[in-house]
Amino acid sequence: MSAAPVWSVDPRTGNPREQVAVEATAEEVDRAVRAAHAVRDALADRAARAAFLRAAAELLEESGAHIVEAADAETALGPARLTGELARTAAQLRSFAEVVDEGAYLDVHIDHQDGSRTPPWPDLRRYKIPLGVVAVYAASNFPLAFSVPGGDTASALAAGCPVVVKAHPDHPATSELCASVLRRAAARTGLPEDVVTLVHGFDAGVELIRHPLVSAAGFTGSVRGGRALFDAAAARPAPIPFHGELGSLNPVVVTGAAAAERAGEIGAGLGGSMTLGAGQFCTKPGFALVPEGATGDQLLKALTETVSSTGSGVLLDHRMRDAFVAGVRERAALPDVVAPVTPGAAGEHTVSAGFLTVPAARLAAKGPHDALLEECFGPVTVIARYTSVDEIAAVLARLPGNLTATLQTATEGDDPDAARLLAALTPLAGRILVNGWPTGVAVAPAQHHGGPYPATTSTSTSVGATAIERWLRPVTYQSTPEALLPPELREDNPLGLPRRVDGRRA
């Protein structure tokens, strides 16, 4: 039987554009992984890795117009959004080059022999080494920043790990272009091209997570798909780390004082955030607790105006469109659920934005309304109207883990509920916002893009400098002669690395 073709499809029409590739067989996945494993030592040189990442950023920008054109044709995200995403992706590659140059990620610790301690210390020297080949599963909603040249790939390469990327079926042509850029960047800087390889196909993704030479995996996608891969990673004879981003509701709590102070501003801000990118951001605020009464009504009026003025949109593919239409229909049919602006199908290929309201009391205990506490991918949010802070706390106690949680509080004067609610939100998410909106994730050293399950399957971040830590493991050398130590751990610090010596920063 011949391999299944991989088609690039226009989500604006549902029509195939071109055949891009064929799905990889088990034998081809095996060859890709073995090729990556064979060149892992080529990434050992930090200077070469940093040069490679900078070259990748440069070539990505040089090919930007072509890549953006292909990505728009496959995702309908629009040239403006994709141009910004390409700039972010290039900046992310450069930021990891800086991380490699600095070397702090190696977390070097040296404790000299000290017989006066109880028990005595031998000479101990610790740093971190790359895990090996990393499997990256590309995201649908960010064809650049969370796909082939995105954060998982960039951070893994920065750590010294070769990467095999499983392309997302929604943008295979874009994936091929970006893989070509990365491979050309490798060749330009004297590295083997196989430090990055690309495979297509569902079965290829399954084979990849099971391959004995794959040492870790990164995933961005659905709860169902991510959980299946997570379970497969754990079920291997030698389980491997699986860093998955699976789904997030991203709750928002609006205090009574905040609604009284600036209901219109908050309503408009919520509407802009939940419709951004047709509601396809992983940080979209999909659930908000808003007070009952006049000020909450004013907030909903502003939200209605903002959402109603948003034009229809195209989702990433027709499967997602159908799931969105069915999902909002199911939720809207629940008792006491009202749709002030009805979300759903706007045309054969488009969807309209909207929001649903429900009394918060309906969500305080397990029941059919639990569907409102699950992510619905697309331009919709659920507004739960509360009557007391205790009611907010009861609902928050039932929420799953999230990437973000937002508190809208008064900006002037005292807000008596703010501290209690901030404390209630903190256990729910990896990033807590006050008087902001969660869409948009800065690539910064202090960033954390992760959260309790099902937001992610680990405690790590996939954005920011510390994302590199996912692909490293610590090793300690004890009582090892200087000549046998790796350069990173030698006494004279020939690489000039930041480190802690006898517990103090050197």
Protein backbone atom coordinates (compact mmCIF):
# COMPACT_ATOMS: atom_id res chain seq x y z
CA MET A 1 0.00 0.00 0.00
CA SER A 2 1.34 3.45 -0.93
CA ALA A 3 1.83 6.06 1.77
CA ALA A 4 -1.08 8.42 2.36
CA PRO A 5 -0.67 11.87 0.79
CA VAL A 6 -0.41 14.97 2.96
CA TRP A 7 -2.46 17.84 1.55
CA SER A 8 -2.36 21.52 2.29
CA VAL A 9 -5.98 22.69 2.70
CA ASP A 10 -7.46 26.19 2.52
CA PRO A 11 -9.68 26.62 5.62
CA ARG A 12 -11.51 29.53 3.95
CA THR A 13 -12.96 27.13 1.37
CA GLY A 14 -12.20 23.62 2.62
CA ASN A 15 -10.51 22.88 -0.70
CA PRO A 16 -7.13 21.13 -1.05
CA ARG A 17 -4.35 23.44 -2.23
CA GLU A 18 -1.48 21.08 -3.00
CA GLN A 19 0.02 17.79 -1.97
CA VAL A 20 2.95 18.66 0.25
CA ALA A 21 4.32 15.30 1.35
CA VAL A 22 3.34 11.76 2.26
CA GLU A 23 2.79 10.38 5.73
CA ALA A 24 5.90 8.81 7.21
CA THR A 25 5.96 5.04 7.63
CA ALA A 26 7.28 3.38 10.77
CA GLU A 27 10.54 2.71 8.93
CA GLU A 28 10.86 6.37 7.94
CA VAL A 29 10.23 7.53 11.51
CA ASP A 30 12.89 5.11 12.67
CA ARG A 31 15.36 6.50 10.12
CA ALA A 32 14.57 10.09 11.15
CA VAL A 33 15.10 9.38 14.84
CA ARG A 34 18.28 7.40 14.25
CA ALA A 35 19.65 10.17 12.02
CA ALA A 36 18.95 12.73 14.75
CA HIS A 37 20.51 10.50 17.41
CA ALA A 38 23.62 9.99 15.28
CA VAL A 39 24.38 13.73 15.14
CA ARG A 40 23.69 14.62 18.76
CA ASP A 41 27.38 15.09 19.56
CA ALA A 42 27.58 17.83 16.93
CA LEU A 43 25.43 20.01 19.21
CA ALA A 44 27.86 19.71 22.12
CA ASP A 45 29.63 22.97 21.25
CA ARG A 46 27.76 25.87 22.85
CA ALA A 47 29.14 28.48 20.46
CA ALA A 48 28.02 26.44 17.46
CA ARG A 49 24.55 26.04 18.93
CA ALA A 50 24.19 29.76 19.56
CA ALA A 51 25.37 30.55 16.03
CA PHE A 52 22.89 28.03 14.65
CA LEU A 53 19.96 29.59 16.52
CA ARG A 54 20.90 33.08 15.32
CA ALA A 55 21.27 31.85 11.74
CA ALA A 56 17.84 30.21 11.97
CA ALA A 57 16.32 33.52 13.08
CA GLU A 58 18.03 35.36 10.24
CA LEU A 59 16.96 32.89 7.57
CA LEU A 60 13.43 32.80 8.95
CA GLU A 61 13.22 36.57 8.50
CA GLU A 62 14.75 36.40 5.03
CA SER A 63 12.10 33.87 4.01
CA GLY A 64 9.39 35.69 5.95
CA ALA A 65 7.20 36.85 3.07
CA HIS A 66 7.03 33.37 1.57
CA ILE A 67 6.40 31.71 4.95
CA VAL A 68 3.67 34.17 5.92
CA GLU A 69 1.95 33.68 2.56
CA ALA A 70 1.95 29.90 2.98
CA ALA A 71 0.83 30.07 6.61
CA ASP A 72 -2.05 32.41 5.81
CA ALA A 73 -3.22 30.16 2.99
CA GLU A 74 -3.27 27.18 5.39
CA THR A 75 -4.57 28.80 8.60
CA ALA A 76 -6.53 31.95 7.60
CA LEU A 77 -4.88 33.76 10.52
CA GLY A 78 -4.09 36.78 8.36
CA PRO A 79 -0.81 38.36 7.22
CA ALA A 80 -0.67 40.92 10.05
CA ARG A 81 -1.01 38.33 12.79
CA LEU A 82 1.41 35.94 11.10
CA THR A 83 4.01 38.66 10.45
CA GLY A 84 3.97 39.41 14.16
CA GLU A 85 4.22 35.73 14.98
CA LEU A 86 7.20 35.33 12.67
CA ALA A 87 8.96 38.24 14.40
CA ARG A 88 8.22 36.67 17.78
CA THR A 89 9.58 33.32 16.59
CA ALA A 90 12.82 34.87 15.34
CA ALA A 91 13.21 36.79 18.60
CA GLN A 92 12.63 33.57 20.53
CA LEU A 93 15.42 31.83 18.63
CA ARG A 94 17.77 34.72 19.37
CA SER A 95 16.79 34.78 23.04
CA PHE A 96 17.75 31.12 23.40
CA ALA A 97 21.07 31.87 21.70
CA GLU A 98 21.67 34.38 24.50
CA VAL A 99 20.73 31.75 27.09
CA VAL A 100 23.29 29.38 25.57
CA ASP A 101 25.96 32.08 25.51
CA GLU A 102 25.43 32.97 29.17
CA GLY A 103 25.54 29.36 30.34
CA ALA A 104 23.59 29.83 33.59
CA TYR A 105 21.13 27.14 32.43
CA LEU A 106 23.87 24.56 33.11
CA ASP A 107 23.34 25.26 36.84
CA VAL A 108 26.94 24.53 37.79
CA HIS A 109 27.55 23.76 41.49
CA ILE A 110 30.94 22.90 42.97
CA ASP A 111 31.33 21.79 46.57
CA HIS A 112 34.94 21.20 47.59
CA GLN A 113 36.01 18.36 49.85
CA ASP A 114 35.45 19.29 53.49
CA GLY A 115 36.21 16.73 56.20
CA SER A 116 35.03 19.04 58.98
CA ARG A 117 31.38 18.63 58.02
CA THR A 118 29.10 15.99 59.47
CA PRO A 119 28.95 13.83 57.50
CA PRO A 120 32.13 14.81 55.60
CA TRP A 121 31.80 16.23 52.09
CA PRO A 122 33.68 14.63 49.21
CA ASP A 123 34.47 16.82 46.21
CA LEU A 124 31.16 17.17 44.31
CA ARG A 125 30.61 18.90 40.96
CA ARG A 126 27.18 19.12 39.38
CA TYR A 127 25.83 20.45 36.08
CA LYS A 128 23.18 19.60 33.52
CA ILE A 129 23.48 17.64 30.29
CA PRO A 130 21.08 17.23 27.34
CA LEU A 131 18.63 14.35 27.42
CA GLY A 132 18.97 13.31 23.77
CA VAL A 133 16.55 13.32 20.85
CA VAL A 134 13.41 15.35 21.54
CA ALA A 135 10.09 14.75 19.75
CA VAL A 136 8.13 17.95 19.14
CA TYR A 137 4.43 17.85 18.28
CA ALA A 138 3.50 21.07 16.51
CA ALA A 139 0.48 23.18 17.47
CA SER A 140 -2.40 24.07 15.17
CA ASN A 141 -3.05 27.65 16.32
CA PHE A 142 0.53 28.95 16.14
CA PRO A 143 2.04 27.67 12.88
CA LEU A 144 5.36 29.34 13.69
CA ALA A 145 5.80 30.19 17.38
CA PHE A 146 4.58 26.81 18.66
CA SER A 147 5.35 24.66 15.64
CA VAL A 148 8.42 23.64 13.65
CA PRO A 149 10.64 26.67 14.49
CA GLY A 150 8.84 27.42 17.77
CA GLY A 151 9.67 27.38 21.45
CA ASP A 152 9.89 23.61 21.97
CA THR A 153 12.28 23.23 19.05
CA ALA A 154 14.33 26.31 19.93
CA SER A 155 14.70 25.38 23.60
CA ALA A 156 15.56 21.75 22.82
CA LEU A 157 18.23 22.76 20.32
CA ALA A 158 19.57 25.30 22.81
CA ALA A 159 19.89 22.50 25.36
CA GLY A 160 21.90 20.47 22.85
CA CYS A 161 19.14 18.06 21.85
CA PRO A 162 18.42 17.12 18.22
CA VAL A 163 14.74 17.45 17.32
CA VAL A 164 12.30 15.38 15.29
CA VAL A 165 9.15 17.41 14.66
CA LYS A 166 5.79 15.84 13.93
CA ALA A 167 4.13 18.42 11.67
CA HIS A 168 0.58 19.53 12.37
CA PRO A 169 -1.78 18.51 9.54
CA ASP A 170 -3.33 22.00 9.39
CA HIS A 171 -0.17 23.62 8.00
CA PRO A 172 2.08 21.03 6.33
CA ALA A 173 3.42 23.38 3.64
CA THR A 174 4.41 25.95 6.26
CA SER A 175 6.04 23.16 8.26
CA GLU A 176 8.10 22.03 5.29
CA LEU A 177 9.26 25.60 4.61
CA CYS A 178 10.28 26.15 8.22
CA ALA A 179 12.05 22.80 8.49
CA SER A 180 14.00 23.71 5.37
CA VAL A 181 15.01 27.01 6.98
CA LEU A 182 16.27 25.28 10.12
CA ARG A 183 18.19 22.68 8.17
CA ARG A 184 19.80 25.39 6.01
CA ALA A 185 20.75 27.29 9.15
CA ALA A 186 22.42 24.17 10.50
CA ALA A 187 24.41 23.70 7.31
CA ARG A 188 25.39 27.39 7.25
CA THR A 189 26.90 27.09 10.73
CA GLY A 190 28.69 23.80 10.13
CA LEU A 191 26.19 21.50 11.84
CA PRO A 192 24.58 18.40 10.30
CA GLU A 193 21.14 19.12 8.84
CA ASP A 194 19.69 16.16 10.73
CA VAL A 195 19.77 18.07 14.00
CA VAL A 196 16.23 18.93 12.83
CA THR A 197 14.01 16.51 10.92
CA LEU A 198 10.32 16.56 10.05
CA VAL A 199 7.72 13.79 9.76
CA HIS A 200 4.03 13.86 8.85
CA GLY A 201 1.07 11.71 9.82
CA PHE A 202 -0.91 10.53 12.84
CA ASP A 203 0.71 7.10 12.88
CA ALA A 204 4.12 8.74 12.62
CA GLY A 205 3.34 10.68 15.79
CA VAL A 206 2.51 7.47 17.63
CA GLU A 207 5.67 5.75 16.38
CA LEU A 208 7.71 8.76 17.44
CA ILE A 209 6.63 8.73 21.08
CA ARG A 210 7.37 5.00 21.29
CA HIS A 211 10.80 5.10 19.65
CA PRO A 212 13.49 3.89 22.09
CA LEU A 213 15.94 6.63 21.03
CA VAL A 214 13.50 9.47 21.74
CA SER A 215 14.37 10.84 25.17
CA ALA A 216 11.65 13.47 25.75
CA ALA A 217 8.67 15.07 24.04
CA GLY A 218 6.93 18.42 23.82
CA PHE A 219 3.29 18.77 22.77
CA THR A 220 0.77 21.56 22.29
CA GLY A 221 -2.79 20.54 21.44
CA SER A 222 -5.96 18.96 22.74
CA VAL A 223 -6.56 17.15 26.01
CA ARG A 224 -7.56 13.99 24.17
CA GLY A 225 -4.53 13.85 21.87
CA GLY A 226 -2.06 15.02 24.49
CA ARG A 227 -3.29 12.60 27.11
CA ALA A 228 -2.96 9.67 24.69
CA LEU A 229 0.66 10.59 23.97
CA PHE A 230 1.36 11.30 27.65
CA ASP A 231 0.08 7.83 28.55
CA ALA A 232 2.15 6.28 25.76
CA ALA A 233 5.28 8.06 27.03
CA ALA A 234 4.64 6.73 30.54
CA ALA A 235 3.91 3.20 29.28
CA ARG A 236 7.24 2.77 27.49
CA PRO A 237 9.68 0.22 28.96
CA ALA A 238 11.78 3.29 29.85
CA PRO A 239 9.28 6.14 30.41
CA ILE A 240 10.31 9.58 29.17
CA PRO A 241 9.39 13.15 30.17
CA PHE A 242 6.35 14.42 28.28
CA HIS A 243 5.79 18.17 28.46
CA GLY A 244 2.29 18.67 27.11
CA GLU A 245 0.06 21.73 26.93
CA LEU A 246 -3.44 20.27 26.68
CA GLY A 247 -6.17 22.82 27.37
CA SER A 248 -7.11 25.81 29.49
CA LEU A 249 -10.25 27.72 30.49
CA ASN A 250 -8.30 30.79 31.71
CA PRO A 251 -10.83 32.08 34.25
CA VAL A 252 -11.43 35.76 34.95
CA VAL A 253 -12.87 37.11 38.21
CA VAL A 254 -14.32 40.62 38.23
CA THR A 255 -14.75 41.99 41.74
CA GLY A 256 -17.77 44.05 42.66
CA ALA A 257 -15.54 47.09 43.18
CA ALA A 258 -13.95 46.66 39.75
CA ALA A 259 -17.34 46.41 38.04
CA ALA A 260 -18.55 49.53 39.87
CA GLU A 261 -15.43 51.45 38.85
CA ARG A 262 -15.04 50.52 35.17
CA ALA A 263 -17.67 48.08 33.92
CA GLY A 264 -17.51 49.35 30.34
CA GLU A 265 -13.74 49.11 30.11
CA ILE A 266 -13.69 45.57 31.50
CA GLY A 267 -16.50 44.38 29.24
CA ALA A 268 -14.80 45.78 26.15
CA GLY A 269 -11.44 44.32 27.19
CA LEU A 270 -12.93 40.89 27.77
CA GLY A 271 -14.64 41.00 24.38
CA GLY A 272 -11.42 41.94 22.61
CA SER A 273 -9.43 39.25 24.35
CA MET A 274 -11.88 36.37 23.86
CA THR A 275 -12.36 37.12 20.13
CA LEU A 276 -8.68 37.73 19.35
CA GLY A 277 -7.59 35.39 16.57
CA ALA A 278 -11.16 34.05 16.33
CA GLY A 279 -10.86 32.80 19.91
CA GLN A 280 -8.09 30.37 19.01
CA PHE A 281 -5.47 31.47 21.52
CA CYS A 282 -4.57 28.92 24.19
CA THR A 283 -4.84 31.80 26.68
CA LYS A 284 -8.31 32.94 25.58
CA PRO A 285 -10.44 33.89 28.62
CA GLY A 286 -13.13 31.23 28.30
CA PHE A 287 -14.87 31.77 31.61
CA ALA A 288 -15.58 34.86 33.71
CA LEU A 289 -17.26 35.45 37.06
CA VAL A 290 -19.18 38.73 36.96
CA PRO A 291 -21.37 40.19 39.73
CA GLU A 292 -25.14 40.18 39.53
CA GLY A 293 -26.80 43.60 39.55
CA ALA A 294 -26.57 46.88 37.67
CA THR A 295 -22.78 47.12 37.40
CA GLY A 296 -22.52 43.58 36.09
CA ASP A 297 -25.27 44.38 33.60
CA GLN A 298 -23.26 47.38 32.39
CA LEU A 299 -20.24 45.13 31.89
CA LEU A 300 -22.33 42.72 29.82
CA LYS A 301 -23.68 45.60 27.76
CA ALA A 302 -20.13 46.63 26.82
CA LEU A 303 -19.21 43.00 26.16
CA THR A 304 -22.27 42.67 23.91
CA GLU A 305 -21.29 45.74 21.91
CA THR A 306 -17.72 44.57 21.45
CA VAL A 307 -18.58 41.00 20.49
CA SER A 308 -21.44 42.07 18.20
CA SER A 309 -19.08 44.33 16.27
CA THR A 310 -16.68 41.45 15.66
CA GLY A 311 -17.06 40.04 12.18
CA SER A 312 -17.37 36.37 11.39
CA GLY A 313 -14.16 34.40 11.35
CA VAL A 314 -12.56 31.31 9.85
CA LEU A 315 -11.24 28.66 12.22
CA LEU A 316 -8.08 26.70 11.53
CA ASP A 317 -9.91 23.81 9.90
CA HIS A 318 -13.44 22.55 9.34
CA ARG A 319 -13.13 19.89 12.02
CA MET A 320 -12.54 22.61 14.59
CA ARG A 321 -15.39 24.64 13.14
CA ASP A 322 -17.79 21.72 13.48
CA ALA A 323 -16.62 21.06 17.06
CA PHE A 324 -17.14 24.73 17.96
CA VAL A 325 -20.65 24.85 16.50
CA ALA A 326 -21.64 21.63 18.25
CA GLY A 327 -20.01 22.69 21.50
CA VAL A 328 -21.78 26.04 21.80
CA ARG A 329 -25.09 24.47 20.79
CA GLU A 330 -24.76 21.87 23.57
CA ARG A 331 -23.87 24.49 26.16
CA ALA A 332 -26.59 26.94 25.10
CA ALA A 333 -29.25 24.23 25.53
CA LEU A 334 -28.54 23.78 29.26
CA PRO A 335 -31.13 25.07 31.75
CA ASP A 336 -30.72 28.72 32.78
CA VAL A 337 -28.10 29.35 30.10
CA VAL A 338 -28.76 32.47 28.00
CA ALA A 339 -26.94 33.65 24.88
CA PRO A 340 -27.05 37.49 24.74
CA VAL A 341 -24.92 37.20 21.61
CA THR A 342 -25.34 33.80 19.99
CA PRO A 343 -22.12 32.09 18.94
CA GLY A 344 -22.07 29.46 16.23
CA ALA A 345 -22.12 29.00 12.48
CA ALA A 346 -22.05 32.18 10.42
CA GLY A 347 -21.73 30.55 7.03
CA GLU A 348 -20.53 27.41 5.35
CA HIS A 349 -16.93 28.09 6.34
CA THR A 350 -17.17 30.73 9.08
CA VAL A 351 -18.27 31.18 12.68
CA SER A 352 -19.68 34.06 14.68
CA ALA A 353 -18.48 35.14 18.11
CA GLY A 354 -20.73 35.21 21.15
CA PHE A 355 -21.05 34.53 24.84
CA LEU A 356 -23.27 32.62 27.24
CA THR A 357 -24.46 33.56 30.71
CA VAL A 358 -25.43 31.31 33.62
CA PRO A 359 -26.10 31.80 37.33
CA ALA A 360 -22.91 30.92 39.22
CA ALA A 361 -25.00 28.81 41.60
CA ARG A 362 -25.53 26.33 38.75
CA LEU A 363 -21.77 25.61 38.76
CA ALA A 364 -21.15 25.24 42.49
CA ALA A 365 -21.84 21.49 42.45
CA LYS A 366 -21.26 18.70 39.95
CA GLY A 367 -23.95 18.39 37.30
CA PRO A 368 -24.82 18.81 33.59
CA HIS A 369 -23.51 22.40 33.66
CA ASP A 370 -19.98 21.06 34.09
CA ALA A 371 -19.63 21.39 30.30
CA LEU A 372 -19.41 25.15 30.89
CA LEU A 373 -16.21 24.55 32.86
CA GLU A 374 -14.49 22.89 29.90
CA GLU A 375 -12.59 24.73 27.16
CA CYS A 376 -14.53 25.40 23.96
CA PHE A 377 -12.01 26.26 21.26
CA GLY A 378 -13.18 29.30 19.32
CA PRO A 379 -14.73 32.77 19.89
CA VAL A 380 -16.97 32.12 22.90
CA THR A 381 -16.80 32.75 26.62
CA VAL A 382 -19.07 31.82 29.52
CA ILE A 383 -20.17 34.48 32.01
CA ALA A 384 -21.19 33.17 35.43
CA ARG A 385 -23.16 35.77 37.44
CA TYR A 386 -22.40 35.57 41.15
CA THR A 387 -24.12 37.02 44.21
CA SER A 388 -21.37 36.72 46.83
CA VAL A 389 -17.65 36.16 47.25
CA ASP A 390 -18.44 32.79 48.82
CA GLU A 391 -20.19 31.83 45.59
CA ILE A 392 -17.07 32.78 43.62
CA ALA A 393 -14.94 30.63 45.91
CA ALA A 394 -17.28 27.67 45.48
CA VAL A 395 -17.03 27.87 41.69
CA LEU A 396 -13.26 28.40 41.65
CA ALA A 397 -12.88 25.30 43.81
CA ARG A 398 -14.35 23.25 40.96
CA LEU A 399 -12.16 24.57 38.15
CA PRO A 400 -9.45 22.45 36.53
CA GLY A 401 -5.86 23.65 36.13
CA ASN A 402 -5.18 26.55 33.78
CA LEU A 403 -2.43 28.40 32.00
CA THR A 404 -3.70 31.74 33.30
CA ALA A 405 -6.11 33.24 35.82
CA THR A 406 -7.09 36.90 35.83
CA LEU A 407 -8.37 39.18 38.58
CA GLN A 408 -10.04 42.44 37.63
CA THR A 409 -9.96 44.62 40.71
CA ALA A 410 -10.47 48.26 41.59
CA THR A 411 -7.60 50.51 40.53
CA GLU A 412 -8.47 53.33 42.93
CA GLY A 413 -9.24 53.00 46.60
CA ASP A 414 -9.67 49.80 48.55
CA ASP A 415 -11.01 46.57 47.09
CA PRO A 416 -11.94 44.43 50.09
CA ASP A 417 -12.24 41.20 48.10
CA ALA A 418 -9.03 41.45 46.07
CA ALA A 419 -6.57 39.70 48.39
CA ARG A 420 -8.89 36.77 49.13
CA LEU A 421 -9.71 36.23 45.46
CA LEU A 422 -6.10 36.52 44.34
CA ALA A 423 -5.21 33.83 46.87
CA ALA A 424 -8.04 31.63 45.53
CA LEU A 425 -6.87 32.06 41.93
CA THR A 426 -3.17 31.39 42.52
CA PRO A 427 -3.43 27.57 42.89
CA LEU A 428 -5.35 27.36 39.61
CA ALA A 429 -2.80 28.63 37.09
CA GLY A 430 0.80 29.21 36.14
CA ARG A 431 0.38 32.91 35.33
CA ILE A 432 -1.79 35.22 37.44
CA LEU A 433 -2.81 38.56 35.94
CA VAL A 434 -4.24 41.56 37.73
CA ASN A 435 -6.13 44.12 35.64
CA GLY A 436 -4.86 42.76 32.35
CA TRP A 437 -5.89 40.18 29.76
CA PRO A 438 -4.20 36.83 29.24
CA THR A 439 -3.97 36.73 25.45
CA GLY A 440 -0.38 37.45 24.52
CA VAL A 441 2.55 35.68 26.16
CA ALA A 442 5.76 37.69 26.43
CA VAL A 443 8.98 35.79 25.67
CA ALA A 444 10.81 36.90 28.81
CA PRO A 445 13.05 35.27 31.42
CA ALA A 446 10.38 35.50 34.14
CA GLN A 447 7.59 34.13 31.95
CA HIS A 448 5.75 30.95 32.90
CA HIS A 449 3.51 29.33 30.30
CA GLY A 450 2.19 26.25 32.03
CA GLY A 451 -0.09 25.29 34.86
CA PRO A 452 -1.75 22.47 36.81
CA TYR A 453 -3.22 19.61 34.78
CA PRO A 454 -4.85 19.67 32.25
CA ALA A 455 -3.19 22.96 31.31
CA THR A 456 0.11 21.10 31.22
CA THR A 457 1.41 17.68 32.16
CA SER A 458 4.47 19.01 34.00
CA THR A 459 5.42 21.96 36.16
CA SER A 460 7.65 23.45 33.45
CA THR A 461 7.13 26.39 31.12
CA SER A 462 7.16 26.23 27.32
CA VAL A 463 7.88 29.97 26.96
CA GLY A 464 10.80 31.95 28.31
CA ALA A 465 14.40 31.15 29.16
CA THR A 466 13.63 28.40 31.67
CA ALA A 467 11.88 26.33 28.98
CA ILE A 468 15.34 24.93 28.27
CA GLU A 469 15.26 23.07 31.59
CA ARG A 470 12.79 20.54 30.20
CA TRP A 471 15.45 18.96 28.01
CA LEU A 472 18.26 18.66 30.58
CA ARG A 473 19.13 16.37 33.47
CA PRO A 474 21.62 16.91 36.31
CA VAL A 475 24.79 14.87 36.71
CA THR A 476 27.21 15.02 39.67
CA TYR A 477 30.87 13.99 39.50
CA GLN A 478 32.33 12.90 42.83
CA SER A 479 36.04 12.88 43.69
CA THR A 480 36.92 13.05 39.98
CA PRO A 481 40.45 13.98 38.86
CA GLU A 482 40.65 17.36 37.14
CA ALA A 483 41.82 15.86 33.88
CA LEU A 484 38.72 13.70 33.66
CA LEU A 485 36.21 16.45 34.42
CA PRO A 486 34.20 18.10 31.65
CA PRO A 487 35.40 21.68 30.99
CA GLU A 488 32.25 23.08 32.60
CA LEU A 489 33.28 21.66 35.99
CA ARG A 490 37.01 22.28 36.05
CA GLU A 491 38.48 24.31 38.85
CA ASP A 492 39.87 27.13 36.69
CA ASN A 493 36.45 27.61 34.96
CA PRO A 494 37.95 27.77 31.42
CA LEU A 495 34.53 28.53 29.88
CA GLY A 496 33.81 31.43 32.22
CA LEU A 497 30.48 29.97 33.36
CA PRO A 498 28.39 31.39 36.19
CA ARG A 499 28.39 28.91 39.06
CA ARG A 500 28.04 28.40 42.78
CA VAL A 501 31.13 27.27 44.68
CA ASP A 502 30.75 25.97 48.23
CA GLY A 503 27.25 27.36 48.29
CA ARG A 504 28.18 30.87 47.11
CA ARG A 505 27.79 32.47 43.73
CA ALA A 506 31.24 32.68 42.16
